[in-house]
PDB file of N, CA and C in Angstrom:
ATOM      1  N   MET A   1     -99.302 -25.665 104.362  1.00  0.00           N
ATOM      2  CA  MET A   1     -99.898 -24.393 103.977  1.00  0.00           C
ATOM      3  C   MET A   1     -99.329 -23.281 104.845  1.00  0.00           C
ATOM      4  N   THR A   2     -99.057 -22.187 104.239  1.00  0.00           N
ATOM      5  CA  THR A   2     -98.549 -21.008 104.924  1.00  0.00           C
ATOM      6  C   THR A   2     -99.661 -20.357 105.740  1.00  0.00           C
ATOM      7  N   GLY A   3     -99.305 -19.862 106.921  1.00  0.00           N
ATOM      8  CA  GLY A   3    -100.247 -19.115 107.732  1.00  0.00           C
ATOM      9  C   GLY A   3    -100.112 -17.627 107.458  1.00  0.00           C
ATOM     10  N   LEU A   4    -100.912 -16.835 108.144  1.00  0.00           N
ATOM     11  CA  LEU A   4    -100.860 -15.379 108.011  1.00  0.00           C
ATOM     12  C   LEU A   4    -100.401 -14.755 109.318  1.00  0.00           C
ATOM     13  N   LEU A   5     -99.736 -13.624 109.195  1.00  0.00           N
ATOM     14  CA  LEU A   5     -99.384 -12.776 110.331  1.00  0.00           C
ATOM     15  C   LEU A   5     -99.891 -11.381 110.014  1.00  0.00           C
ATOM     16  N   LEU A   6    -100.869 -10.918 110.791  1.00  0.00           N
ATOM     17  CA  LEU A   6    -101.417  -9.576 110.610  1.00  0.00           C
ATOM     18  C   LEU A   6    -100.494  -8.561 111.258  1.00  0.00           C
ATOM     19  N   ASP A   7    -100.086  -7.556 110.504  1.00  0.00           N
ATOM     20  CA  ASP A   7     -99.187  -6.525 111.014  1.00  0.00           C
ATOM     21  C   ASP A   7     -99.870  -5.731 112.134  1.00  0.00           C
ATOM     22  N   GLU A   8     -99.080  -4.898 112.795  1.00  0.00           N
ATOM     23  CA  GLU A   8     -99.523  -4.243 114.026  1.00  0.00           C
ATOM     24  C   GLU A   8    -100.701  -3.294 113.877  1.00  0.00           C
ATOM     25  N   MET A   9    -101.041  -2.892 112.652  1.00  0.00           N
ATOM     26  CA  MET A   9    -102.193  -1.993 112.506  1.00  0.00           C
ATOM     27  C   MET A   9    -103.531  -2.723 112.617  1.00  0.00           C
ATOM     28  N   TYR A  10    -103.469  -4.066 112.665  1.00  0.00           N
ATOM     29  CA  TYR A  10    -104.693  -4.863 112.734  1.00  0.00           C
ATOM     30  C   TYR A  10    -104.871  -5.474 114.118  1.00  0.00           C
ATOM     31  N   PRO A  11    -106.106  -5.451 114.633  1.00  0.00           N
ATOM     32  CA  PRO A  11    -106.349  -5.936 115.994  1.00  0.00           C
ATOM     33  C   PRO A  11    -106.318  -7.470 116.075  1.00  0.00           C
ATOM     34  N   PRO A  12    -105.898  -7.983 117.221  1.00  0.00           N
ATOM     35  CA  PRO A  12    -105.929  -9.438 117.432  1.00  0.00           C
ATOM     36  C   PRO A  12    -107.316 -10.038 117.220  1.00  0.00           C
ATOM     37  N   ALA A  13    -108.368  -9.261 117.418  1.00  0.00           N
ATOM     38  CA  ALA A  13    -109.732  -9.774 117.212  1.00  0.00           C
ATOM     39  C   ALA A  13    -109.950 -10.206 115.765  1.00  0.00           C
ATOM     40  N   LEU A  14    -109.301  -9.541 114.823  1.00  0.00           N
ATOM     41  CA  LEU A  14    -109.417  -9.939 113.418  1.00  0.00           C
ATOM     42  C   LEU A  14    -108.747 -11.296 113.200  1.00  0.00           C
ATOM     43  N   ALA A  15    -107.591 -11.494 113.810  1.00  0.00           N
ATOM     44  CA  ALA A  15    -106.918 -12.798 113.715  1.00  0.00           C
ATOM     45  C   ALA A  15    -107.789 -13.881 114.338  1.00  0.00           C
ATOM     46  N   LYS A  16    -108.402 -13.582 115.477  1.00  0.00           N
ATOM     47  CA  LYS A  16    -109.265 -14.565 116.146  1.00  0.00           C
ATOM     48  C   LYS A  16    -110.455 -14.911 115.277  1.00  0.00           C
ATOM     49  N   ARG A  17    -111.050 -13.906 114.655  1.00  0.00           N
ATOM     50  CA  ARG A  17    -112.198 -14.157 113.766  1.00  0.00           C
ATOM     51  C   ARG A  17    -111.797 -15.118 112.643  1.00  0.00           C
ATOM     52  N   LEU A  18    -110.627 -14.890 112.059  1.00  0.00           N
ATOM     53  CA  LEU A  18    -110.164 -15.753 110.966  1.00  0.00           C
ATOM     54  C   LEU A  18    -109.809 -17.155 111.471  1.00  0.00           C
ATOM     55  N   ARG A  19    -109.250 -17.240 112.682  1.00  0.00           N
ATOM     56  CA  ARG A  19    -108.992 -18.567 113.267  1.00  0.00           C
ATOM     57  C   ARG A  19    -110.307 -19.321 113.493  1.00  0.00           C
ATOM     58  N   ASP A  20    -111.314 -18.588 113.958  1.00  0.00           N
ATOM     59  CA  ASP A  20    -112.623 -19.199 114.182  1.00  0.00           C
ATOM     60  C   ASP A  20    -113.222 -19.727 112.878  1.00  0.00           C
ATOM     61  N   MET A  21    -112.790 -19.169 111.740  1.00  0.00           N
ATOM     62  CA  MET A  21    -113.240 -19.632 110.422  1.00  0.00           C
ATOM     63  C   MET A  21    -112.380 -20.800 109.927  1.00  0.00           C
ATOM     64  N   GLY A  22    -111.386 -21.190 110.730  1.00  0.00           N
ATOM     65  CA  GLY A  22    -110.561 -22.340 110.370  1.00  0.00           C
ATOM     66  C   GLY A  22    -109.224 -22.017 109.736  1.00  0.00           C
ATOM     67  N   HIS A  23    -108.812 -20.749 109.765  1.00  0.00           N
ATOM     68  CA  HIS A  23    -107.550 -20.351 109.140  1.00  0.00           C
ATOM     69  C   HIS A  23    -106.441 -20.192 110.180  1.00  0.00           C
ATOM     70  N   ASP A  24    -105.215 -20.388 109.750  1.00  0.00           N
ATOM     71  CA  ASP A  24    -104.029 -20.271 110.599  1.00  0.00           C
ATOM     72  C   ASP A  24    -103.552 -18.819 110.566  1.00  0.00           C
ATOM     73  N   VAL A  25    -104.034 -18.023 111.501  1.00  0.00           N
ATOM     74  CA  VAL A  25    -103.759 -16.576 111.496  1.00  0.00           C
ATOM     75  C   VAL A  25    -103.369 -16.119 112.894  1.00  0.00           C
ATOM     76  N   LEU A  26    -102.275 -15.351 112.949  1.00  0.00           N
ATOM     77  CA  LEU A  26    -101.833 -14.689 114.181  1.00  0.00           C
ATOM     78  C   LEU A  26    -101.711 -13.203 113.901  1.00  0.00           C
ATOM     79  N   ALA A  27    -101.671 -12.418 114.960  1.00  0.00           N
ATOM     80  CA  ALA A  27    -101.481 -10.975 114.840  1.00  0.00           C
ATOM     81  C   ALA A  27    -100.203 -10.575 115.569  1.00  0.00           C
ATOM     82  N   VAL A  28     -99.504  -9.603 115.027  1.00  0.00           N
ATOM     83  CA  VAL A  28     -98.315  -9.058 115.680  1.00  0.00           C
ATOM     84  C   VAL A  28     -98.644  -8.670 117.112  1.00  0.00           C
ATOM     85  N   LEU A  29     -99.859  -8.171 117.334  1.00  0.00           N
ATOM     86  CA  LEU A  29    -100.252  -7.710 118.671  1.00  0.00           C
ATOM     87  C   LEU A  29    -100.755  -8.819 119.589  1.00  0.00           C
ATOM     88  N   ASP A  30    -100.831 -10.066 119.097  1.00  0.00           N
ATOM     89  CA  ASP A  30    -101.162 -11.183 119.993  1.00  0.00           C
ATOM     90  C   ASP A  30    -100.042 -11.289 121.029  1.00  0.00           C
ATOM     91  N   VAL A  31    -100.390 -11.317 122.293  1.00  0.00           N
ATOM     92  CA  VAL A  31     -99.397 -11.336 123.365  1.00  0.00           C
ATOM     93  C   VAL A  31     -98.429 -12.497 123.199  1.00  0.00           C
ATOM     94  N   GLU A  32     -98.951 -13.675 122.851  1.00  0.00           N
ATOM     95  CA  GLU A  32     -98.092 -14.848 122.743  1.00  0.00           C
ATOM     96  C   GLU A  32     -97.113 -14.776 121.570  1.00  0.00           C
ATOM     97  N   VAL A  33     -97.378 -13.929 120.587  1.00  0.00           N
ATOM     98  CA  VAL A  33     -96.460 -13.760 119.453  1.00  0.00           C
ATOM     99  C   VAL A  33     -95.258 -12.931 119.883  1.00  0.00           C
ATOM    100  N   GLY A  34     -95.489 -11.909 120.697  1.00  0.00           N
ATOM    101  CA  GLY A  34     -94.390 -11.115 121.248  1.00  0.00           C
ATOM    102  C   GLY A  34     -93.711 -10.175 120.276  1.00  0.00           C
ATOM    103  N   LEU A  35     -94.434  -9.682 119.282  1.00  0.00           N
ATOM    104  CA  LEU A  35     -93.824  -8.790 118.293  1.00  0.00           C
ATOM    105  C   LEU A  35     -94.272  -7.332 118.408  1.00  0.00           C
ATOM    106  N   ALA A  36     -95.094  -7.013 119.392  1.00  0.00           N
ATOM    107  CA  ALA A  36     -95.560  -5.632 119.552  1.00  0.00           C
ATOM    108  C   ALA A  36     -94.363  -4.702 119.687  1.00  0.00           C
ATOM    109  N   SER A  37     -94.404  -3.604 118.958  1.00  0.00           N
ATOM    110  CA  SER A  37     -93.369  -2.558 118.977  1.00  0.00           C
ATOM    111  C   SER A  37     -92.023  -3.011 118.413  1.00  0.00           C
ATOM    112  N   ARG A  38     -91.989  -4.136 117.707  1.00  0.00           N
ATOM    113  CA  ARG A  38     -90.751  -4.594 117.082  1.00  0.00           C
ATOM    114  C   ARG A  38     -90.623  -3.960 115.700  1.00  0.00           C
ATOM    115  N   SER A  39     -89.416  -3.936 115.168  1.00  0.00           N
ATOM    116  CA  SER A  39     -89.175  -3.327 113.856  1.00  0.00           C
ATOM    117  C   SER A  39     -89.785  -4.180 112.743  1.00  0.00           C
ATOM    118  N   ASP A  40     -89.973  -3.555 111.586  1.00  0.00           N
ATOM    119  CA  ASP A  40     -90.480  -4.288 110.428  1.00  0.00           C
ATOM    120  C   ASP A  40     -89.519  -5.411 110.041  1.00  0.00           C
ATOM    121  N   ASP A  41     -88.219  -5.176 110.180  1.00  0.00           N
ATOM    122  CA  ASP A  41     -87.224  -6.228 109.915  1.00  0.00           C
ATOM    123  C   ASP A  41     -87.478  -7.443 110.802  1.00  0.00           C
ATOM    124  N   ASP A  42     -87.721  -7.180 112.084  1.00  0.00           N
ATOM    125  CA  ASP A  42     -87.978  -8.275 113.028  1.00  0.00           C
ATOM    126  C   ASP A  42     -89.266  -9.015 112.688  1.00  0.00           C
ATOM    127  N   VAL A  43     -90.301  -8.269 112.336  1.00  0.00           N
ATOM    128  CA  VAL A  43     -91.588  -8.875 111.992  1.00  0.00           C
ATOM    129  C   VAL A  43     -91.433  -9.773 110.765  1.00  0.00           C
ATOM    130  N   LEU A  44     -90.757  -9.264 109.733  1.00  0.00           N
ATOM    131  CA  LEU A  44     -90.585 -10.039 108.506  1.00  0.00           C
ATOM    132  C   LEU A  44     -89.730 -11.281 108.753  1.00  0.00           C
ATOM    133  N   ALA A  45     -88.680 -11.143 109.537  1.00  0.00           N
ATOM    134  CA  ALA A  45     -87.818 -12.294 109.846  1.00  0.00           C
ATOM    135  C   ALA A  45     -88.575 -13.344 110.652  1.00  0.00           C
ATOM    136  N   TRP A  46     -89.355 -12.915 111.647  1.00  0.00           N
ATOM    137  CA  TRP A  46     -90.142 -13.852 112.452  1.00  0.00           C
ATOM    138  C   TRP A  46     -91.138 -14.588 111.560  1.00  0.00           C
ATOM    139  N   ALA A  47     -91.819 -13.834 110.690  1.00  0.00           N
ATOM    140  CA  ALA A  47     -92.803 -14.432 109.796  1.00  0.00           C
ATOM    141  C   ALA A  47     -92.147 -15.454 108.872  1.00  0.00           C
ATOM    142  N   ALA A  48     -90.962 -15.143 108.364  1.00  0.00           N
ATOM    143  CA  ALA A  48     -90.254 -16.079 107.478  1.00  0.00           C
ATOM    144  C   ALA A  48     -89.888 -17.355 108.229  1.00  0.00           C
ATOM    145  N   ARG A  49     -89.377 -17.212 109.448  1.00  0.00           N
ATOM    146  CA  ARG A  49     -89.003 -18.386 110.248  1.00  0.00           C
ATOM    147  C   ARG A  49     -90.203 -19.255 110.584  1.00  0.00           C
ATOM    148  N   ASN A  50     -91.372 -18.642 110.673  1.00  0.00           N
ATOM    149  CA  ASN A  50     -92.585 -19.358 111.066  1.00  0.00           C
ATOM    150  C   ASN A  50     -93.530 -19.615 109.895  1.00  0.00           C
ATOM    151  N   ASN A  51     -93.024 -19.446 108.666  1.00  0.00           N
ATOM    152  CA  ASN A  51     -93.772 -19.734 107.436  1.00  0.00           C
ATOM    153  C   ASN A  51     -95.124 -19.023 107.407  1.00  0.00           C
ATOM    154  N   ARG A  52     -95.081 -17.690 107.609  1.00  0.00           N
ATOM    155  CA  ARG A  52     -96.298 -16.875 107.612  1.00  0.00           C
ATOM    156  C   ARG A  52     -96.167 -15.702 106.658  1.00  0.00           C
ATOM    157  N   CYS A  53     -97.209 -15.479 105.858  1.00  0.00           N
ATOM    158  CA  CYS A  53     -97.302 -14.292 105.011  1.00  0.00           C
ATOM    159  C   CYS A  53     -97.668 -13.110 105.900  1.00  0.00           C
ATOM    160  N   VAL A  54     -97.019 -11.997 105.677  1.00  0.00           N
ATOM    161  CA  VAL A  54     -97.343 -10.779 106.421  1.00  0.00           C
ATOM    162  C   VAL A  54     -98.434 -10.019 105.673  1.00  0.00           C
ATOM    163  N   VAL A  55     -99.494  -9.677 106.393  1.00  0.00           N
ATOM    164  CA  VAL A  55    -100.590  -8.876 105.859  1.00  0.00           C
ATOM    165  C   VAL A  55    -100.395  -7.468 106.414  1.00  0.00           C
ATOM    166  N   THR A  56    -100.193  -6.485 105.518  1.00  0.00           N
ATOM    167  CA  THR A  56     -99.862  -5.142 105.992  1.00  0.00           C
ATOM    168  C   THR A  56    -100.345  -4.069 105.032  1.00  0.00           C
ATOM    169  N   GLU A  57    -100.581  -2.886 105.573  1.00  0.00           N
ATOM    170  CA  GLU A  57    -100.810  -1.717 104.719  1.00  0.00           C
ATOM    171  C   GLU A  57     -99.559  -0.823 104.717  1.00  0.00           C
ATOM    172  N   ASN A  58     -98.512  -1.278 105.383  1.00  0.00           N
ATOM    173  CA  ASN A  58     -97.228  -0.570 105.419  1.00  0.00           C
ATOM    174  C   ASN A  58     -96.404  -0.999 104.196  1.00  0.00           C
ATOM    175  N   ILE A  59     -96.892  -0.617 103.029  1.00  0.00           N
ATOM    176  CA  ILE A  59     -96.320  -1.081 101.772  1.00  0.00           C
ATOM    177  C   ILE A  59     -94.893  -0.581 101.577  1.00  0.00           C
ATOM    178  N   SER A  60     -94.644   0.689 101.843  1.00  0.00           N
ATOM    179  CA  SER A  60     -93.322   1.248 101.550  1.00  0.00           C
ATOM    180  C   SER A  60     -92.208   0.529 102.304  1.00  0.00           C
ATOM    181  N   ASP A  61     -92.384   0.281 103.578  1.00  0.00           N
ATOM    182  CA  ASP A  61     -91.319  -0.357 104.355  1.00  0.00           C
ATOM    183  C   ASP A  61     -91.125  -1.823 103.987  1.00  0.00           C
ATOM    184  N   PHE A  62     -92.215  -2.563 103.833  1.00  0.00           N
ATOM    185  CA  PHE A  62     -92.065  -3.982 103.513  1.00  0.00           C
ATOM    186  C   PHE A  62     -91.612  -4.190 102.077  1.00  0.00           C
ATOM    187  N   ALA A  63     -92.048  -3.333 101.147  1.00  0.00           N
ATOM    188  CA  ALA A  63     -91.561  -3.429  99.759  1.00  0.00           C
ATOM    189  C   ALA A  63     -90.063  -3.124  99.713  1.00  0.00           C
ATOM    190  N   ARG A  64     -89.628  -2.157 100.502  1.00  0.00           N
ATOM    191  CA  ARG A  64     -88.191  -1.833 100.567  1.00  0.00           C
ATOM    192  C   ARG A  64     -87.401  -3.016 101.088  1.00  0.00           C
ATOM    193  N   LEU A  65     -87.878  -3.649 102.156  1.00  0.00           N
ATOM    194  CA  LEU A  65     -87.174  -4.812 102.709  1.00  0.00           C
ATOM    195  C   LEU A  65     -87.083  -5.932 101.677  1.00  0.00           C
ATOM    196  N   ALA A  66     -88.171  -6.188 100.975  1.00  0.00           N
ATOM    197  CA  ALA A  66     -88.171  -7.236  99.946  1.00  0.00           C
ATOM    198  C   ALA A  66     -87.210  -6.880  98.810  1.00  0.00           C
ATOM    199  N   ALA A  67     -87.216  -5.603  98.399  1.00  0.00           N
ATOM    200  CA  ALA A  67     -86.330  -5.168  97.319  1.00  0.00           C
ATOM    201  C   ALA A  67     -84.859  -5.265  97.724  1.00  0.00           C
ATOM    202  N   GLN A  68     -84.593  -5.141  99.020  1.00  0.00           N
ATOM    203  CA  GLN A  68     -83.218  -5.250  99.510  1.00  0.00           C
ATOM    204  C   GLN A  68     -82.794  -6.708  99.684  1.00  0.00           C
ATOM    205  N   GLY A  69     -83.672  -7.642  99.336  1.00  0.00           N
ATOM    206  CA  GLY A  69     -83.314  -9.047  99.367  1.00  0.00           C
ATOM    207  C   GLY A  69     -83.733  -9.822 100.599  1.00  0.00           C
ATOM    208  N   ALA A  70     -84.534  -9.227 101.474  1.00  0.00           N
ATOM    209  CA  ALA A  70     -85.017  -9.966 102.645  1.00  0.00           C
ATOM    210  C   ALA A  70     -85.927 -11.098 102.172  1.00  0.00           C
ATOM    211  N   THR A  71     -85.617 -12.310 102.576  1.00  0.00           N
ATOM    212  CA  THR A  71     -86.475 -13.428 102.200  1.00  0.00           C
ATOM    213  C   THR A  71     -87.696 -13.439 103.113  1.00  0.00           C
ATOM    214  N   HIS A  72     -88.789 -13.910 102.572  1.00  0.00           N
ATOM    215  CA  HIS A  72     -90.023 -13.942 103.343  1.00  0.00           C
ATOM    216  C   HIS A  72     -90.931 -15.034 102.803  1.00  0.00           C
ATOM    217  N   ALA A  73     -91.975 -15.342 103.553  1.00  0.00           N
ATOM    218  CA  ALA A  73     -92.933 -16.378 103.169  1.00  0.00           C
ATOM    219  C   ALA A  73     -94.092 -15.804 102.358  1.00  0.00           C
ATOM    220  N   GLY A  74     -94.004 -14.539 102.004  1.00  0.00           N
ATOM    221  CA  GLY A  74     -95.029 -13.871 101.219  1.00  0.00           C
ATOM    222  C   GLY A  74     -95.486 -12.589 101.888  1.00  0.00           C
ATOM    223  N   LEU A  75     -95.895 -11.639 101.060  1.00  0.00           N
ATOM    224  CA  LEU A  75     -96.432 -10.366 101.533  1.00  0.00           C
ATOM    225  C   LEU A  75     -97.787 -10.138 100.886  1.00  0.00           C
ATOM    226  N   ILE A  76     -98.745  -9.736 101.699  1.00  0.00           N
ATOM    227  CA  ILE A  76    -100.070  -9.377 101.203  1.00  0.00           C
ATOM    228  C   ILE A  76    -100.267  -7.909 101.537  1.00  0.00           C
ATOM    229  N   PHE A  77    -100.255  -7.076 100.506  1.00  0.00           N
ATOM    230  CA  PHE A  77    -100.418  -5.642 100.698  1.00  0.00           C
ATOM    231  C   PHE A  77    -101.896  -5.289 100.666  1.00  0.00           C
ATOM    232  N   VAL A  78    -102.276  -4.388 101.580  1.00  0.00           N
ATOM    233  CA  VAL A  78    -103.667  -3.994 101.767  1.00  0.00           C
ATOM    234  C   VAL A  78    -103.776  -2.487 101.604  1.00  0.00           C
ATOM    235  N   SER A  79    -104.727  -2.037 100.825  1.00  0.00           N
ATOM    236  CA  SER A  79    -104.983  -0.614 100.653  1.00  0.00           C
ATOM    237  C   SER A  79    -105.827  -0.100 101.823  1.00  0.00           C
ATOM    238  N   ALA A  80    -105.317   0.930 102.499  1.00  0.00           N
ATOM    239  CA  ALA A  80    -106.057   1.526 103.616  1.00  0.00           C
ATOM    240  C   ALA A  80    -107.330   2.219 103.127  1.00  0.00           C
ATOM    241  N   GLN A  81    -107.350   2.658 101.873  1.00  0.00           N
ATOM    242  CA  GLN A  81    -108.560   3.280 101.330  1.00  0.00           C
ATOM    243  C   GLN A  81    -109.624   2.219 101.046  1.00  0.00           C
ATOM    244  N   ARG A  82    -109.207   1.076 100.554  1.00  0.00           N
ATOM    245  CA  ARG A  82    -110.156   0.012 100.233  1.00  0.00           C
ATOM    246  C   ARG A  82    -110.638  -0.701 101.498  1.00  0.00           C
ATOM    247  N   PHE A  83    -109.732  -0.845 102.471  1.00  0.00           N
ATOM    248  CA  PHE A  83    -110.044  -1.532 103.727  1.00  0.00           C
ATOM    249  C   PHE A  83    -109.694  -0.628 104.912  1.00  0.00           C
ATOM    250  N   PRO A  84    -110.486   0.428 105.151  1.00  0.00           N
ATOM    251  CA  PRO A  84    -110.182   1.312 106.281  1.00  0.00           C
ATOM    252  C   PRO A  84    -110.302   0.553 107.603  1.00  0.00           C
ATOM    253  N   ARG A  85    -109.575   1.025 108.596  1.00  0.00           N
ATOM    254  CA  ARG A  85    -109.602   0.357 109.907  1.00  0.00           C
ATOM    255  C   ARG A  85    -110.792   0.814 110.738  1.00  0.00           C
ATOM    256  N   THR A  86    -111.948   0.640 110.169  1.00  0.00           N
ATOM    257  CA  THR A  86    -113.219   0.876 110.847  1.00  0.00           C
ATOM    258  C   THR A  86    -113.865  -0.497 111.040  1.00  0.00           C
ATOM    259  N   ALA A  87    -114.939  -0.557 111.794  1.00  0.00           N
ATOM    260  CA  ALA A  87    -115.613  -1.844 112.002  1.00  0.00           C
ATOM    261  C   ALA A  87    -116.010  -2.461 110.661  1.00  0.00           C
ATOM    262  N   ARG A  88    -116.578  -1.656 109.800  1.00  0.00           N
ATOM    263  CA  ARG A  88    -117.011  -2.162 108.486  1.00  0.00           C
ATOM    264  C   ARG A  88    -115.810  -2.536 107.616  1.00  0.00           C
ATOM    265  N   GLY A  89    -114.773  -1.701 107.623  1.00  0.00           N
ATOM    266  CA  GLY A  89    -113.582  -1.982 106.819  1.00  0.00           C
ATOM    267  C   GLY A  89    -112.862  -3.237 107.273  1.00  0.00           C
ATOM    268  N   LEU A  90    -112.764  -3.436 108.596  1.00  0.00           N
ATOM    269  CA  LEU A  90    -112.120  -4.642 109.121  1.00  0.00           C
ATOM    270  C   LEU A  90    -112.947  -5.889 108.820  1.00  0.00           C
ATOM    271  N   ALA A  91    -114.274  -5.751 108.823  1.00  0.00           N
ATOM    272  CA  ALA A  91    -115.124  -6.883 108.458  1.00  0.00           C
ATOM    273  C   ALA A  91    -114.896  -7.254 106.992  1.00  0.00           C
ATOM    274  N   ARG A  92    -114.800  -6.248 106.124  1.00  0.00           N
ATOM    275  CA  ARG A  92    -114.522  -6.507 104.704  1.00  0.00           C
ATOM    276  C   ARG A  92    -113.139  -7.124 104.523  1.00  0.00           C
ATOM    277  N   LEU A  93    -112.167  -6.656 105.305  1.00  0.00           N
ATOM    278  CA  LEU A  93    -110.822  -7.221 105.242  1.00  0.00           C
ATOM    279  C   LEU A  93    -110.852  -8.691 105.655  1.00  0.00           C
ATOM    280  N   GLY A  94    -111.564  -8.983 106.722  1.00  0.00           N
ATOM    281  CA  GLY A  94    -111.690 -10.365 107.160  1.00  0.00           C
ATOM    282  C   GLY A  94    -112.325 -11.248 106.089  1.00  0.00           C
ATOM    283  N   ASP A  95    -113.362 -10.733 105.439  1.00  0.00           N
ATOM    284  CA  ASP A  95    -114.020 -11.494 104.371  1.00  0.00           C
ATOM    285  C   ASP A  95    -113.063 -11.747 103.205  1.00  0.00           C
ATOM    286  N   ALA A  96    -112.293 -10.725 102.831  1.00  0.00           N
ATOM    287  CA  ALA A  96    -111.358 -10.868 101.710  1.00  0.00           C
ATOM    288  C   ALA A  96    -110.238 -11.851 102.056  1.00  0.00           C
ATOM    289  N   LEU A  97    -109.729 -11.790 103.293  1.00  0.00           N
ATOM    290  CA  LEU A  97    -108.682 -12.730 103.701  1.00  0.00           C
ATOM    291  C   LEU A  97    -109.228 -14.152 103.802  1.00  0.00           C
ATOM    292  N   ASP A  98    -110.463 -14.284 104.280  1.00  0.00           N
ATOM    293  CA  ASP A  98    -111.111 -15.591 104.330  1.00  0.00           C
ATOM    294  C   ASP A  98    -111.194 -16.185 102.925  1.00  0.00           C
ATOM    295  N   ALA A  99    -111.635 -15.401 101.962  1.00  0.00           N
ATOM    296  CA  ALA A  99    -111.765 -15.883 100.583  1.00  0.00           C
ATOM    297  C   ALA A  99    -110.401 -16.257 100.005  1.00  0.00           C
ATOM    298  N   LEU A 100    -109.396 -15.454 100.283  1.00  0.00           N
ATOM    299  CA  LEU A 100    -108.046 -15.720  99.779  1.00  0.00           C
ATOM    300  C   LEU A 100    -107.506 -17.030 100.353  1.00  0.00           C
ATOM    301  N   CYS A 101    -107.673 -17.223 101.648  1.00  0.00           N
ATOM    302  CA  CYS A 101    -107.202 -18.450 102.295  1.00  0.00           C
ATOM    303  C   CYS A 101    -107.990 -19.664 101.810  1.00  0.00           C
ATOM    304  N   ALA A 102    -109.308 -19.521 101.713  1.00  0.00           N
ATOM    305  CA  ALA A 102    -110.150 -20.642 101.286  1.00  0.00           C
ATOM    306  C   ALA A 102    -109.812 -21.081  99.870  1.00  0.00           C
ATOM    307  N   ALA A 103    -109.452 -20.117  99.014  1.00  0.00           N
ATOM    308  CA  ALA A 103    -109.098 -20.425  97.628  1.00  0.00           C
ATOM    309  C   ALA A 103    -107.637 -20.866  97.497  1.00  0.00           C
ATOM    310  N   LYS A 104    -106.915 -20.855  98.614  1.00  0.00           N
ATOM    311  CA  LYS A 104    -105.492 -21.229  98.628  1.00  0.00           C
ATOM    312  C   LYS A 104    -104.697 -20.399  97.610  1.00  0.00           C
ATOM    313  N   GLN A 105    -104.928 -19.070  97.645  1.00  0.00           N
ATOM    314  CA  GLN A 105    -104.270 -18.161  96.718  1.00  0.00           C
ATOM    315  C   GLN A 105    -103.255 -17.257  97.411  1.00  0.00           C
ATOM    316  N   LEU A 106    -102.654 -17.751  98.491  1.00  0.00           N
ATOM    317  CA  LEU A 106    -101.642 -16.960  99.182  1.00  0.00           C
ATOM    318  C   LEU A 106    -100.382 -16.892  98.315  1.00  0.00           C
ATOM    319  N   PRO A 107     -99.626 -15.809  98.431  1.00  0.00           N
ATOM    320  CA  PRO A 107     -98.392 -15.734  97.649  1.00  0.00           C
ATOM    321  C   PRO A 107     -97.403 -16.784  98.137  1.00  0.00           C
ATOM    322  N   GLY A 108     -96.562 -17.241  97.266  1.00  0.00           N
ATOM    323  CA  GLY A 108     -95.530 -18.193  97.651  1.00  0.00           C
ATOM    324  C   GLY A 108     -94.353 -17.481  98.286  1.00  0.00           C
ATOM    325  N   ALA A 109     -93.302 -18.230  98.535  1.00  0.00           N
ATOM    326  CA  ALA A 109     -92.086 -17.668  99.126  1.00  0.00           C
ATOM    327  C   ALA A 109     -91.602 -16.497  98.283  1.00  0.00           C
ATOM    328  N   ASP A 110     -91.346 -15.382  98.943  1.00  0.00           N
ATOM    329  CA  ASP A 110     -90.881 -14.138  98.331  1.00  0.00           C
ATOM    330  C   ASP A 110     -91.886 -13.520  97.351  1.00  0.00           C
ATOM    331  N   GLY A 111     -93.129 -14.021  97.353  1.00  0.00           N
ATOM    332  CA  GLY A 111     -94.172 -13.473  96.492  1.00  0.00           C
ATOM    333  C   GLY A 111     -94.885 -12.311  97.158  1.00  0.00           C
ATOM    334  N   VAL A 112     -95.480 -11.477  96.328  1.00  0.00           N
ATOM    335  CA  VAL A 112     -96.211 -10.298  96.806  1.00  0.00           C
ATOM    336  C   VAL A 112     -97.521 -10.207  96.032  1.00  0.00           C
ATOM    337  N   ILE A 113     -98.618  -9.989  96.741  1.00  0.00           N
ATOM    338  CA  ILE A 113     -99.903  -9.735  96.081  1.00  0.00           C
ATOM    339  C   ILE A 113    -100.578  -8.545  96.767  1.00  0.00           C
ATOM    340  N   TRP A 114    -101.489  -7.928  96.034  1.00  0.00           N
ATOM    341  CA  TRP A 114    -102.366  -6.905  96.597  1.00  0.00           C
ATOM    342  C   TRP A 114    -103.709  -7.556  96.857  1.00  0.00           C
ATOM    343  N   LEU A 115    -104.259  -7.314  98.028  1.00  0.00           N
ATOM    344  CA  LEU A 115    -105.547  -7.889  98.384  1.00  0.00           C
ATOM    345  C   LEU A 115    -106.662  -7.126  97.698  1.00  0.00           C
ATOM    346  N   ALA A 116    -107.529  -7.860  97.021  1.00  0.00           N
ATOM    347  CA  ALA A 116    -108.685  -7.255  96.359  1.00  0.00           C
ATOM    348  C   ALA A 116    -109.904  -7.389  97.272  1.00  0.00           C
ATOM    349  N   ALA A 117    -110.765  -6.411  97.198  1.00  0.00           N
ATOM    350  CA  ALA A 117    -112.002  -6.440  97.980  1.00  0.00           C
ATOM    351  C   ALA A 117    -112.997  -7.378  97.339  1.00  0.00           C
ATOM    352  N   GLU A 118    -113.762  -8.031  98.180  1.00  0.00           N
ATOM    353  CA  GLU A 118    -114.885  -8.843  97.701  1.00  0.00           C
ATOM    354  C   GLU A 118    -116.045  -7.873  97.517  1.00  0.00           C
ATOM    355  N   ASP A 119    -116.407  -7.619  96.295  1.00  0.00           N
ATOM    356  CA  ASP A 119    -117.497  -6.651  96.033  1.00  0.00           C
ATOM    357  C   ASP A 119    -118.842  -7.312  95.933  1.00  0.00           C
TER     358      ASP A 119
END
């Protein structure tokens, strides 16, 4: 099963919460990952090498990389309006990612999905 890599706009605490729920999730900002302040190219390449879908709201840059032929283990695009980076928005994001992982509905290699909110 593919794991997740939360892009730099998401706190490591969100990755920890999802790990505590039993999911394989890391954050770009986790010290042991070592991707803080790295380029989107580097993040996508690292995620591909480590079989991780990138979860990001940086749609324009990651969509461009995918369109240019960068291979990846999957991209999960997140709407900042639907999941604002507030305490409540991050909790909703965690719930939606938990549901996606539990249902085993992650995108496949080079796949892209938009994350829907659990209403």
